[in-house]
Amino acid sequence: MSIYSKATFTISAPDIRHLKVDEGIEVAFAGRSNAGKSSALNALTRQKSLARTSKTPGRTQQINVFEIAEDKRLIDLPGYGFAQVPKAMKEKWQRALGEYLEKRQSLKGLVVLMDIRHPLKDLDQQLISWAVASEIPVLALLTKADKLKSGKRKAQVAMAQEAAMAFCGDVEVAAFSSTSKIGLPILESKLNHWFGFDNETDEQV
């Protein structure tokens, strides 16, 4: 059984001042509002509705915290980019996102999710550049990989990997699908490393 299936929701906060004490290890998931972030978290935790999914992008409006072990947490950050909401609300989400990334000391890794058909848009690149500058390792997941045939999928990953070299930091790129589970072992392996589970047995499902 995967350690991540033990994830439990603990709090939904509008900003970092409403989060619990800044200690332990947190790994954050970030991405455009239509990148499939909630679906990826549900696939990782083997829970169908741990993170809310919706056909309407932009449902993640706050910082959602899921505890997987003592002092080890998954963070679902507000989606950025496309979201049919008032400008003022969108700006509020962006402030909460930026504030968390800049000030949260327990942040040890960032998973950036991007649609494999439209990777590395401006906001994605800005986010990765910030992480590299802050010496935070990044796993860039190219989501919805099942939408492409194998050859095209490999080409998109190769293109993104080449582009990621320009960040000159700890940035890994992998294809991912929450439905077919492409890339799930890579995601789990990276999280195990960040959380320090490397030396613990964690059966891959």
N, C-alpha and C. Protein backbone atom coordinates (compact mmCIF):
# COMPACT_ATOMS: atom_id res chain seq x y z
N MET A 1 0.84 -1.19 0.00
CA MET A 1 0.00 0.00 0.00
C MET A 1 0.89 1.25 0.00
N SER A 2 0.55 2.22 -0.81
CA SER A 2 1.33 3.45 -0.91
C SER A 2 1.12 4.32 0.33
N ILE A 3 2.20 4.93 0.80
CA ILE A 3 2.10 5.87 1.93
C ILE A 3 1.16 7.01 1.61
N TYR A 4 1.04 7.36 0.32
CA TYR A 4 0.24 8.52 -0.07
C TYR A 4 -1.26 8.25 0.01
N SER A 5 -1.64 6.97 0.07
CA SER A 5 -3.06 6.65 0.22
C SER A 5 -3.57 7.00 1.61
N LYS A 6 -2.63 7.31 2.51
CA LYS A 6 -3.01 7.69 3.87
C LYS A 6 -3.30 9.18 3.99
N ALA A 7 -3.18 9.90 2.90
CA ALA A 7 -3.36 11.36 2.93
C ALA A 7 -4.75 11.74 3.44
N THR A 8 -4.77 12.73 4.32
CA THR A 8 -6.04 13.23 4.85
C THR A 8 -6.05 14.75 4.76
N PHE A 9 -7.20 15.30 4.42
CA PHE A 9 -7.36 16.75 4.34
C PHE A 9 -7.30 17.35 5.73
N THR A 10 -6.54 18.44 5.89
CA THR A 10 -6.45 19.06 7.22
C THR A 10 -6.99 20.48 7.26
N ILE A 11 -6.69 21.28 6.22
CA ILE A 11 -7.14 22.67 6.27
C ILE A 11 -7.16 23.28 4.87
N SER A 12 -8.05 24.23 4.68
CA SER A 12 -8.10 25.04 3.46
C SER A 12 -7.93 26.49 3.89
N ALA A 13 -6.83 27.12 3.46
CA ALA A 13 -6.48 28.44 3.97
C ALA A 13 -6.45 29.48 2.84
N PRO A 14 -6.94 30.69 3.10
CA PRO A 14 -6.90 31.74 2.08
C PRO A 14 -5.51 32.31 1.87
N ASP A 15 -4.63 32.17 2.89
CA ASP A 15 -3.26 32.66 2.78
C ASP A 15 -2.40 31.95 3.82
N ILE A 16 -1.08 32.21 3.80
CA ILE A 16 -0.18 31.46 4.68
C ILE A 16 -0.39 31.77 6.16
N ARG A 17 -0.99 32.91 6.47
CA ARG A 17 -1.21 33.25 7.88
C ARG A 17 -2.22 32.30 8.53
N HIS A 18 -3.01 31.63 7.73
CA HIS A 18 -4.01 30.70 8.25
C HIS A 18 -3.51 29.25 8.25
N LEU A 19 -2.28 29.03 7.80
CA LEU A 19 -1.71 27.68 7.81
C LEU A 19 -1.15 27.36 9.19
N LYS A 20 -0.88 26.08 9.41
CA LYS A 20 -0.29 25.67 10.68
C LYS A 20 1.17 26.07 10.72
N VAL A 21 1.84 25.76 11.82
CA VAL A 21 3.23 26.15 12.04
C VAL A 21 4.10 25.72 10.85
N ASP A 22 5.01 26.61 10.47
CA ASP A 22 5.86 26.38 9.30
C ASP A 22 7.05 25.51 9.69
N GLU A 23 6.79 24.20 9.80
CA GLU A 23 7.85 23.25 10.14
C GLU A 23 7.55 21.93 9.46
N GLY A 24 8.54 21.04 9.43
CA GLY A 24 8.37 19.77 8.74
C GLY A 24 8.70 19.91 7.26
N ILE A 25 8.07 19.07 6.45
CA ILE A 25 8.33 19.05 5.01
C ILE A 25 7.02 19.17 4.25
N GLU A 26 6.99 20.09 3.29
CA GLU A 26 5.83 20.25 2.40
C GLU A 26 6.27 20.15 0.96
N VAL A 27 5.47 19.46 0.16
CA VAL A 27 5.66 19.42 -1.29
C VAL A 27 4.40 20.00 -1.91
N ALA A 28 4.58 21.03 -2.74
CA ALA A 28 3.43 21.74 -3.29
C ALA A 28 3.17 21.34 -4.73
N PHE A 29 1.89 21.30 -5.08
CA PHE A 29 1.44 21.05 -6.45
C PHE A 29 0.89 22.36 -7.00
N ALA A 30 1.40 22.78 -8.15
CA ALA A 30 0.95 24.04 -8.75
C ALA A 30 0.77 23.84 -10.25
N GLY A 31 -0.09 24.64 -10.84
CA GLY A 31 -0.30 24.53 -12.28
C GLY A 31 -1.45 25.42 -12.73
N ARG A 32 -1.56 25.54 -14.02
CA ARG A 32 -2.67 26.31 -14.57
C ARG A 32 -3.99 25.66 -14.15
N SER A 33 -5.03 26.46 -14.16
CA SER A 33 -6.31 26.00 -13.63
C SER A 33 -6.89 24.80 -14.37
N ASN A 34 -6.42 24.56 -15.59
CA ASN A 34 -6.96 23.44 -16.37
C ASN A 34 -5.91 22.35 -16.61
N ALA A 35 -4.89 22.28 -15.73
CA ALA A 35 -3.78 21.35 -15.96
C ALA A 35 -4.03 19.95 -15.40
N GLY A 36 -5.10 19.78 -14.62
CA GLY A 36 -5.38 18.46 -14.06
C GLY A 36 -4.71 18.22 -12.72
N LYS A 37 -4.53 19.29 -11.95
CA LYS A 37 -3.83 19.19 -10.67
C LYS A 37 -4.59 18.33 -9.67
N SER A 38 -5.88 18.56 -9.52
CA SER A 38 -6.67 17.80 -8.57
C SER A 38 -6.72 16.32 -8.95
N SER A 39 -6.83 16.04 -10.24
CA SER A 39 -6.85 14.66 -10.71
C SER A 39 -5.54 13.94 -10.40
N ALA A 40 -4.43 14.66 -10.52
CA ALA A 40 -3.12 14.08 -10.22
C ALA A 40 -3.01 13.74 -8.74
N LEU A 41 -3.49 14.64 -7.88
CA LEU A 41 -3.44 14.38 -6.44
C LEU A 41 -4.32 13.19 -6.07
N ASN A 42 -5.46 13.08 -6.71
CA ASN A 42 -6.35 11.95 -6.44
C ASN A 42 -5.72 10.63 -6.91
N ALA A 43 -5.04 10.66 -8.05
CA ALA A 43 -4.36 9.47 -8.56
C ALA A 43 -3.23 9.06 -7.62
N LEU A 44 -2.48 10.04 -7.16
CA LEU A 44 -1.36 9.78 -6.25
C LEU A 44 -1.83 9.13 -4.96
N THR A 45 -2.94 9.62 -4.41
CA THR A 45 -3.41 9.17 -3.11
C THR A 45 -4.40 8.01 -3.19
N ARG A 46 -4.73 7.60 -4.43
CA ARG A 46 -5.71 6.52 -4.64
C ARG A 46 -7.04 6.85 -3.99
N GLN A 47 -7.37 8.13 -3.97
CA GLN A 47 -8.64 8.58 -3.42
C GLN A 47 -9.36 9.39 -4.48
N LYS A 48 -10.58 9.00 -4.80
CA LYS A 48 -11.29 9.62 -5.91
C LYS A 48 -11.68 11.07 -5.69
N SER A 49 -11.83 11.45 -4.44
CA SER A 49 -12.31 12.82 -4.20
C SER A 49 -11.55 13.52 -3.10
N LEU A 50 -10.28 13.16 -2.89
CA LEU A 50 -9.50 13.88 -1.88
C LEU A 50 -9.38 15.34 -2.29
N ALA A 51 -8.93 15.56 -3.52
CA ALA A 51 -8.89 16.91 -4.08
C ALA A 51 -10.07 17.05 -5.03
N ARG A 52 -10.80 18.13 -4.92
CA ARG A 52 -11.99 18.32 -5.75
C ARG A 52 -11.61 18.49 -7.22
N THR A 53 -12.33 17.79 -8.07
CA THR A 53 -12.15 17.97 -9.50
C THR A 53 -13.43 18.53 -10.07
N SER A 54 -13.30 19.24 -11.17
CA SER A 54 -14.46 19.88 -11.78
C SER A 54 -14.21 20.10 -13.26
N LYS A 55 -15.26 20.08 -14.03
CA LYS A 55 -15.14 20.41 -15.45
C LYS A 55 -14.93 21.91 -15.63
N THR A 56 -15.15 22.67 -14.56
CA THR A 56 -14.92 24.11 -14.60
C THR A 56 -13.56 24.41 -13.98
N PRO A 57 -12.56 24.80 -14.76
CA PRO A 57 -11.24 25.09 -14.21
C PRO A 57 -11.29 26.20 -13.18
N GLY A 58 -10.37 26.12 -12.21
CA GLY A 58 -10.27 27.19 -11.23
C GLY A 58 -11.01 26.92 -9.95
N ARG A 59 -11.33 25.66 -9.66
CA ARG A 59 -12.06 25.35 -8.44
C ARG A 59 -11.17 25.44 -7.20
N THR A 60 -9.86 25.21 -7.37
CA THR A 60 -8.95 25.33 -6.22
C THR A 60 -8.69 26.80 -5.98
N GLN A 61 -9.38 27.37 -5.00
CA GLN A 61 -9.32 28.81 -4.77
C GLN A 61 -8.51 29.15 -3.52
N GLN A 62 -8.12 28.13 -2.75
CA GLN A 62 -7.35 28.38 -1.54
C GLN A 62 -6.18 27.41 -1.48
N ILE A 63 -5.37 27.55 -0.44
CA ILE A 63 -4.26 26.64 -0.21
C ILE A 63 -4.80 25.45 0.56
N ASN A 64 -4.85 24.28 -0.07
CA ASN A 64 -5.39 23.09 0.56
C ASN A 64 -4.26 22.19 1.05
N VAL A 65 -4.36 21.73 2.28
CA VAL A 65 -3.30 20.97 2.92
C VAL A 65 -3.76 19.54 3.19
N PHE A 66 -2.92 18.57 2.80
CA PHE A 66 -3.21 17.16 3.03
C PHE A 66 -2.02 16.55 3.78
N GLU A 67 -2.29 15.97 4.92
CA GLU A 67 -1.22 15.37 5.73
C GLU A 67 -1.04 13.92 5.35
N ILE A 68 0.21 13.49 5.12
CA ILE A 68 0.47 12.10 4.77
C ILE A 68 1.21 11.36 5.88
N ALA A 69 1.87 12.09 6.74
CA ALA A 69 2.57 11.54 7.90
C ALA A 69 2.86 12.71 8.82
N GLU A 70 3.38 12.42 9.99
CA GLU A 70 3.67 13.51 10.94
C GLU A 70 4.69 14.48 10.34
N ASP A 71 4.30 15.75 10.28
CA ASP A 71 5.16 16.82 9.75
C ASP A 71 5.50 16.64 8.26
N LYS A 72 4.66 15.91 7.53
CA LYS A 72 4.85 15.74 6.08
C LYS A 72 3.51 15.99 5.40
N ARG A 73 3.50 16.99 4.50
CA ARG A 73 2.24 17.44 3.93
C ARG A 73 2.32 17.67 2.42
N LEU A 74 1.24 17.36 1.73
CA LEU A 74 1.05 17.74 0.33
C LEU A 74 0.23 19.02 0.31
N ILE A 75 0.63 19.96 -0.55
CA ILE A 75 -0.04 21.25 -0.63
C ILE A 75 -0.62 21.44 -2.03
N ASP A 76 -1.90 21.70 -2.10
CA ASP A 76 -2.58 21.97 -3.37
C ASP A 76 -2.77 23.48 -3.46
N LEU A 77 -1.97 24.11 -4.32
CA LEU A 77 -1.98 25.57 -4.43
C LEU A 77 -3.06 26.05 -5.41
N PRO A 78 -3.52 27.30 -5.27
CA PRO A 78 -4.52 27.84 -6.20
C PRO A 78 -4.02 27.78 -7.64
N GLY A 79 -4.89 27.37 -8.55
CA GLY A 79 -4.53 27.33 -9.96
C GLY A 79 -4.30 28.73 -10.51
N TYR A 80 -3.43 28.82 -11.49
CA TYR A 80 -3.17 30.14 -12.09
C TYR A 80 -3.53 30.10 -13.57
N GLY A 81 -3.57 31.27 -14.18
CA GLY A 81 -3.90 31.33 -15.60
C GLY A 81 -5.39 31.29 -15.83
N PHE A 82 -5.84 30.42 -16.72
CA PHE A 82 -7.24 30.37 -17.13
C PHE A 82 -8.17 30.07 -15.96
N ALA A 83 -9.11 30.92 -15.75
CA ALA A 83 -10.19 30.68 -14.80
C ALA A 83 -11.23 31.77 -15.00
N GLN A 84 -12.46 31.37 -15.23
CA GLN A 84 -13.51 32.34 -15.51
C GLN A 84 -14.08 32.88 -14.20
N VAL A 85 -13.30 33.74 -13.57
CA VAL A 85 -13.70 34.37 -12.32
C VAL A 85 -13.36 35.85 -12.41
N PRO A 86 -13.95 36.66 -11.52
CA PRO A 86 -13.64 38.09 -11.54
C PRO A 86 -12.14 38.35 -11.35
N LYS A 87 -11.65 39.41 -11.97
CA LYS A 87 -10.23 39.73 -11.93
C LYS A 87 -9.71 39.88 -10.50
N ALA A 88 -10.50 40.52 -9.64
CA ALA A 88 -10.07 40.74 -8.26
C ALA A 88 -9.86 39.42 -7.54
N MET A 89 -10.73 38.45 -7.79
CA MET A 89 -10.60 37.14 -7.15
C MET A 89 -9.36 36.42 -7.68
N LYS A 90 -9.12 36.52 -8.99
CA LYS A 90 -7.96 35.89 -9.59
C LYS A 90 -6.67 36.47 -9.00
N GLU A 91 -6.66 37.79 -8.82
CA GLU A 91 -5.47 38.45 -8.24
C GLU A 91 -5.26 38.01 -6.79
N LYS A 92 -6.35 37.76 -6.08
CA LYS A 92 -6.24 37.31 -4.69
C LYS A 92 -5.60 35.92 -4.64
N TRP A 93 -6.00 35.03 -5.57
CA TRP A 93 -5.40 33.70 -5.64
C TRP A 93 -3.92 33.82 -5.93
N GLN A 94 -3.57 34.69 -6.89
CA GLN A 94 -2.18 34.82 -7.29
C GLN A 94 -1.31 35.31 -6.12
N ARG A 95 -1.86 36.21 -5.33
CA ARG A 95 -1.12 36.71 -4.17
C ARG A 95 -0.87 35.58 -3.17
N ALA A 96 -1.90 34.78 -2.93
CA ALA A 96 -1.77 33.66 -1.99
C ALA A 96 -0.73 32.66 -2.49
N LEU A 97 -0.75 32.39 -3.79
CA LEU A 97 0.21 31.47 -4.41
C LEU A 97 1.63 32.01 -4.26
N GLY A 98 1.84 33.26 -4.64
CA GLY A 98 3.17 33.85 -4.59
C GLY A 98 3.72 33.94 -3.18
N GLU A 99 2.84 34.30 -2.26
CA GLU A 99 3.25 34.44 -0.86
C GLU A 99 3.71 33.10 -0.29
N TYR A 100 2.96 32.06 -0.60
CA TYR A 100 3.34 30.73 -0.12
C TYR A 100 4.71 30.33 -0.67
N LEU A 101 4.90 30.49 -1.97
CA LEU A 101 6.15 30.08 -2.61
C LEU A 101 7.35 30.87 -2.10
N GLU A 102 7.15 32.13 -1.78
CA GLU A 102 8.26 32.98 -1.36
C GLU A 102 8.61 32.82 0.12
N LYS A 103 7.62 32.54 0.95
CA LYS A 103 7.85 32.64 2.40
C LYS A 103 7.77 31.32 3.16
N ARG A 104 7.23 30.29 2.58
CA ARG A 104 7.04 29.04 3.33
C ARG A 104 8.35 28.25 3.42
N GLN A 105 8.92 28.20 4.61
CA GLN A 105 10.23 27.59 4.81
C GLN A 105 10.20 26.06 4.69
N SER A 106 9.07 25.45 4.96
CA SER A 106 9.00 23.98 4.92
C SER A 106 8.81 23.43 3.51
N LEU A 107 8.69 24.32 2.52
CA LEU A 107 8.55 23.87 1.13
C LEU A 107 9.87 23.27 0.65
N LYS A 108 9.86 21.99 0.30
CA LYS A 108 11.08 21.28 -0.10
C LYS A 108 11.06 20.78 -1.54
N GLY A 109 9.92 20.90 -2.20
CA GLY A 109 9.83 20.45 -3.58
C GLY A 109 8.56 20.98 -4.22
N LEU A 110 8.62 21.22 -5.53
CA LEU A 110 7.48 21.77 -6.25
C LEU A 110 7.15 20.91 -7.46
N VAL A 111 5.92 20.46 -7.54
CA VAL A 111 5.43 19.72 -8.70
C VAL A 111 4.63 20.70 -9.55
N VAL A 112 5.10 20.97 -10.75
CA VAL A 112 4.42 21.89 -11.66
C VAL A 112 3.72 21.06 -12.74
N LEU A 113 2.42 21.21 -12.83
CA LEU A 113 1.64 20.42 -13.77
C LEU A 113 1.26 21.25 -14.98
N MET A 114 1.49 20.67 -16.17
CA MET A 114 1.19 21.36 -17.43
C MET A 114 0.58 20.37 -18.41
N ASP A 115 -0.41 20.80 -19.14
CA ASP A 115 -1.01 19.98 -20.19
C ASP A 115 0.08 19.64 -21.21
N ILE A 116 0.29 18.36 -21.47
CA ILE A 116 1.36 17.92 -22.36
C ILE A 116 1.23 18.52 -23.76
N ARG A 117 0.02 18.93 -24.12
CA ARG A 117 -0.20 19.51 -25.45
C ARG A 117 0.16 20.99 -25.49
N HIS A 118 0.27 21.61 -24.30
CA HIS A 118 0.59 23.05 -24.24
C HIS A 118 1.54 23.32 -23.07
N PRO A 119 2.75 22.75 -23.08
CA PRO A 119 3.64 22.91 -21.93
C PRO A 119 4.41 24.22 -21.93
N LEU A 120 4.90 24.57 -20.75
CA LEU A 120 5.83 25.69 -20.57
C LEU A 120 5.33 27.02 -21.14
N LYS A 121 4.09 27.35 -20.78
CA LYS A 121 3.59 28.68 -21.12
C LYS A 121 4.26 29.69 -20.18
N ASP A 122 4.03 30.97 -20.42
CA ASP A 122 4.75 32.02 -19.69
C ASP A 122 4.67 31.86 -18.17
N LEU A 123 3.46 31.64 -17.66
CA LEU A 123 3.31 31.53 -16.21
C LEU A 123 4.01 30.29 -15.66
N ASP A 124 4.00 29.20 -16.43
CA ASP A 124 4.72 27.99 -16.02
C ASP A 124 6.21 28.29 -15.91
N GLN A 125 6.74 28.97 -16.91
CA GLN A 125 8.17 29.28 -16.91
C GLN A 125 8.54 30.21 -15.77
N GLN A 126 7.67 31.18 -15.49
CA GLN A 126 7.93 32.10 -14.38
C GLN A 126 8.00 31.34 -13.05
N LEU A 127 7.08 30.40 -12.88
CA LEU A 127 7.02 29.62 -11.65
C LEU A 127 8.28 28.76 -11.49
N ILE A 128 8.68 28.10 -12.56
CA ILE A 128 9.88 27.25 -12.50
C ILE A 128 11.12 28.11 -12.27
N SER A 129 11.20 29.25 -12.94
CA SER A 129 12.34 30.15 -12.76
C SER A 129 12.44 30.60 -11.31
N TRP A 130 11.29 30.92 -10.70
CA TRP A 130 11.30 31.32 -9.30
C TRP A 130 11.83 30.19 -8.43
N ALA A 131 11.36 28.96 -8.67
CA ALA A 131 11.78 27.82 -7.86
C ALA A 131 13.28 27.59 -7.98
N VAL A 132 13.80 27.65 -9.19
CA VAL A 132 15.23 27.45 -9.41
C VAL A 132 16.03 28.52 -8.68
N ALA A 133 15.58 29.76 -8.78
CA ALA A 133 16.27 30.86 -8.09
C ALA A 133 16.25 30.67 -6.58
N SER A 134 15.21 30.01 -6.07
CA SER A 134 15.09 29.77 -4.63
C SER A 134 15.69 28.43 -4.23
N GLU A 135 16.32 27.75 -5.20
CA GLU A 135 16.96 26.45 -4.98
C GLU A 135 15.98 25.40 -4.48
N ILE A 136 14.77 25.47 -5.03
CA ILE A 136 13.75 24.45 -4.74
C ILE A 136 13.65 23.52 -5.95
N PRO A 137 13.82 22.21 -5.77
CA PRO A 137 13.76 21.28 -6.90
C PRO A 137 12.35 21.21 -7.48
N VAL A 138 12.29 20.96 -8.78
CA VAL A 138 11.01 20.96 -9.50
C VAL A 138 10.84 19.65 -10.26
N LEU A 139 9.65 19.09 -10.19
CA LEU A 139 9.24 18.01 -11.08
C LEU A 139 8.14 18.56 -11.95
N ALA A 140 8.42 18.70 -13.25
CA ALA A 140 7.42 19.20 -14.19
C ALA A 140 6.68 18.01 -14.80
N LEU A 141 5.42 17.89 -14.47
CA LEU A 141 4.60 16.78 -14.98
C LEU A 141 3.78 17.24 -16.17
N LEU A 142 3.95 16.57 -17.30
CA LEU A 142 3.17 16.87 -18.49
C LEU A 142 1.93 16.00 -18.45
N THR A 143 0.84 16.60 -18.00
CA THR A 143 -0.39 15.85 -17.72
C THR A 143 -1.19 15.53 -18.99
N LYS A 144 -2.18 14.67 -18.79
CA LYS A 144 -3.08 14.24 -19.86
C LYS A 144 -2.30 13.54 -20.98
N ALA A 145 -1.23 12.84 -20.58
CA ALA A 145 -0.36 12.16 -21.55
C ALA A 145 -1.08 11.08 -22.34
N ASP A 146 -2.17 10.56 -21.78
CA ASP A 146 -2.94 9.53 -22.49
C ASP A 146 -3.66 10.10 -23.71
N LYS A 147 -3.71 11.42 -23.82
CA LYS A 147 -4.37 12.06 -24.96
C LYS A 147 -3.53 11.97 -26.23
N LEU A 148 -2.24 11.64 -26.09
CA LEU A 148 -1.34 11.58 -27.23
C LEU A 148 -0.86 10.16 -27.48
N LYS A 149 -0.59 9.83 -28.72
CA LYS A 149 0.01 8.55 -29.04
C LYS A 149 1.46 8.55 -28.58
N SER A 150 2.01 7.36 -28.42
CA SER A 150 3.33 7.19 -27.82
C SER A 150 4.41 8.06 -28.47
N GLY A 151 4.46 8.08 -29.80
CA GLY A 151 5.49 8.85 -30.50
C GLY A 151 5.40 10.33 -30.22
N LYS A 152 4.20 10.87 -30.30
CA LYS A 152 3.98 12.29 -30.05
C LYS A 152 4.27 12.62 -28.59
N ARG A 153 3.87 11.72 -27.70
CA ARG A 153 4.11 11.93 -26.27
C ARG A 153 5.61 12.04 -25.98
N LYS A 154 6.38 11.11 -26.54
CA LYS A 154 7.83 11.13 -26.33
C LYS A 154 8.46 12.40 -26.90
N ALA A 155 7.94 12.84 -28.03
CA ALA A 155 8.47 14.06 -28.66
C ALA A 155 8.21 15.28 -27.78
N GLN A 156 7.02 15.34 -27.20
CA GLN A 156 6.67 16.47 -26.33
C GLN A 156 7.54 16.48 -25.07
N VAL A 157 7.77 15.29 -24.51
CA VAL A 157 8.61 15.19 -23.32
C VAL A 157 10.04 15.62 -23.65
N ALA A 158 10.55 15.15 -24.78
CA ALA A 158 11.91 15.50 -25.18
C ALA A 158 12.06 17.00 -25.40
N MET A 159 11.05 17.60 -26.01
CA MET A 159 11.07 19.05 -26.25
C MET A 159 11.08 19.81 -24.92
N ALA A 160 10.24 19.36 -23.98
CA ALA A 160 10.16 20.03 -22.68
C ALA A 160 11.45 19.83 -21.88
N GLN A 161 12.04 18.64 -21.99
CA GLN A 161 13.30 18.37 -21.27
C GLN A 161 14.41 19.28 -21.79
N GLU A 162 14.44 19.47 -23.09
CA GLU A 162 15.46 20.35 -23.67
C GLU A 162 15.24 21.79 -23.21
N ALA A 163 13.98 22.21 -23.21
CA ALA A 163 13.66 23.57 -22.77
C ALA A 163 13.99 23.76 -21.29
N ALA A 164 13.79 22.70 -20.50
CA ALA A 164 14.02 22.80 -19.06
C ALA A 164 15.50 23.00 -18.73
N MET A 165 16.37 22.58 -19.62
CA MET A 165 17.81 22.75 -19.39
C MET A 165 18.18 24.23 -19.29
N ALA A 166 17.38 25.07 -19.94
CA ALA A 166 17.66 26.51 -19.93
C ALA A 166 17.46 27.13 -18.54
N PHE A 167 16.73 26.43 -17.66
CA PHE A 167 16.52 26.97 -16.32
C PHE A 167 17.77 26.82 -15.45
N CYS A 168 18.68 25.93 -15.88
CA CYS A 168 19.95 25.73 -15.16
C CYS A 168 19.71 25.40 -13.68
N GLY A 169 18.77 24.51 -13.43
CA GLY A 169 18.48 24.14 -12.06
C GLY A 169 18.04 22.69 -11.97
N ASP A 170 17.55 22.30 -10.80
CA ASP A 170 17.09 20.95 -10.55
C ASP A 170 15.64 20.82 -11.04
N VAL A 171 15.50 20.60 -12.34
CA VAL A 171 14.18 20.50 -12.97
C VAL A 171 14.10 19.19 -13.75
N GLU A 172 13.22 18.31 -13.34
CA GLU A 172 13.01 17.04 -14.04
C GLU A 172 11.66 17.09 -14.75
N VAL A 173 11.58 16.49 -15.92
CA VAL A 173 10.35 16.49 -16.72
C VAL A 173 9.88 15.07 -16.95
N ALA A 174 8.59 14.83 -16.82
CA ALA A 174 8.03 13.49 -17.05
C ALA A 174 6.60 13.60 -17.55
N ALA A 175 6.21 12.64 -18.39
CA ALA A 175 4.82 12.55 -18.83
C ALA A 175 3.99 11.97 -17.70
N PHE A 176 2.71 12.37 -17.65
CA PHE A 176 1.84 11.91 -16.57
C PHE A 176 0.40 11.80 -17.05
N SER A 177 -0.29 10.80 -16.55
CA SER A 177 -1.72 10.67 -16.82
C SER A 177 -2.41 10.14 -15.57
N SER A 178 -3.39 10.87 -15.09
CA SER A 178 -4.11 10.43 -13.90
C SER A 178 -5.03 9.25 -14.20
N THR A 179 -5.40 9.07 -15.47
CA THR A 179 -6.30 7.97 -15.83
C THR A 179 -5.54 6.69 -16.14
N SER A 180 -4.47 6.78 -16.91
CA SER A 180 -3.71 5.56 -17.27
C SER A 180 -2.53 5.32 -16.34
N LYS A 181 -2.28 6.25 -15.42
CA LYS A 181 -1.21 6.16 -14.43
C LYS A 181 0.19 6.24 -15.04
N ILE A 182 0.30 6.74 -16.27
CA ILE A 182 1.61 7.02 -16.85
C ILE A 182 2.33 8.01 -15.94
N GLY A 183 3.57 7.71 -15.59
CA GLY A 183 4.37 8.64 -14.79
C GLY A 183 4.13 8.60 -13.29
N LEU A 184 3.16 7.82 -12.83
CA LEU A 184 2.86 7.77 -11.39
C LEU A 184 4.06 7.25 -10.58
N PRO A 185 4.75 6.20 -11.03
CA PRO A 185 5.93 5.75 -10.28
C PRO A 185 7.02 6.81 -10.20
N ILE A 186 7.18 7.61 -11.26
CA ILE A 186 8.18 8.68 -11.24
C ILE A 186 7.79 9.73 -10.20
N LEU A 187 6.51 10.10 -10.17
CA LEU A 187 6.03 11.07 -9.19
C LEU A 187 6.26 10.56 -7.77
N GLU A 188 5.90 9.31 -7.53
CA GLU A 188 6.06 8.75 -6.19
C GLU A 188 7.53 8.68 -5.78
N SER A 189 8.38 8.29 -6.71
CA SER A 189 9.81 8.21 -6.41
C SER A 189 10.38 9.56 -6.03
N LYS A 190 9.99 10.60 -6.76
CA LYS A 190 10.46 11.95 -6.48
C LYS A 190 9.95 12.43 -5.12
N LEU A 191 8.69 12.18 -4.83
CA LEU A 191 8.12 12.57 -3.55
C LEU A 191 8.80 11.82 -2.41
N ASN A 192 9.06 10.53 -2.61
CA ASN A 192 9.74 9.74 -1.58
C ASN A 192 11.09 10.36 -1.24
N HIS A 193 11.78 10.83 -2.26
CA HIS A 193 13.09 11.46 -2.05
C HIS A 193 12.95 12.76 -1.27
N TRP A 194 12.01 13.60 -1.69
CA TRP A 194 11.82 14.89 -1.02
C TRP A 194 11.37 14.73 0.42
N PHE A 195 10.49 13.74 0.65
CA PHE A 195 9.96 13.54 2.01
C PHE A 195 10.89 12.71 2.89
N GLY A 196 11.90 12.10 2.27
CA GLY A 196 12.82 11.27 3.05
C GLY A 196 12.30 9.87 3.27
N PHE A 197 11.42 9.40 2.38
CA PHE A 197 10.91 8.04 2.48
C PHE A 197 11.79 7.03 1.74
N ASP A 198 12.92 7.48 1.20
CA ASP A 198 13.77 6.63 0.36
C ASP A 198 14.13 5.31 1.02
N ASN A 199 14.34 5.35 2.31
CA ASN A 199 14.80 4.15 3.00
C ASN A 199 13.66 3.32 3.58
N GLU A 200 12.44 3.74 3.27
CA GLU A 200 11.28 3.01 3.76
C GLU A 200 10.66 2.21 2.62
N THR A 201 10.12 1.07 2.92
CA THR A 201 9.46 0.26 1.89
C THR A 201 8.12 0.89 1.58
N ASP A 202 7.86 1.08 0.29
CA ASP A 202 6.62 1.72 -0.14
C ASP A 202 6.18 1.02 -1.43
N GLU A 203 5.29 0.10 -1.27
CA GLU A 203 4.86 -0.71 -2.41
C GLU A 203 4.18 0.14 -3.45
N GLN A 204 4.64 0.03 -4.70
CA GLN A 204 4.01 0.75 -5.79
C GLN A 204 2.78 -0.03 -6.25
N VAL A 205 1.66 0.66 -6.36
CA VAL A 205 0.42 0.02 -6.79
C VAL A 205 0.15 0.35 -8.24
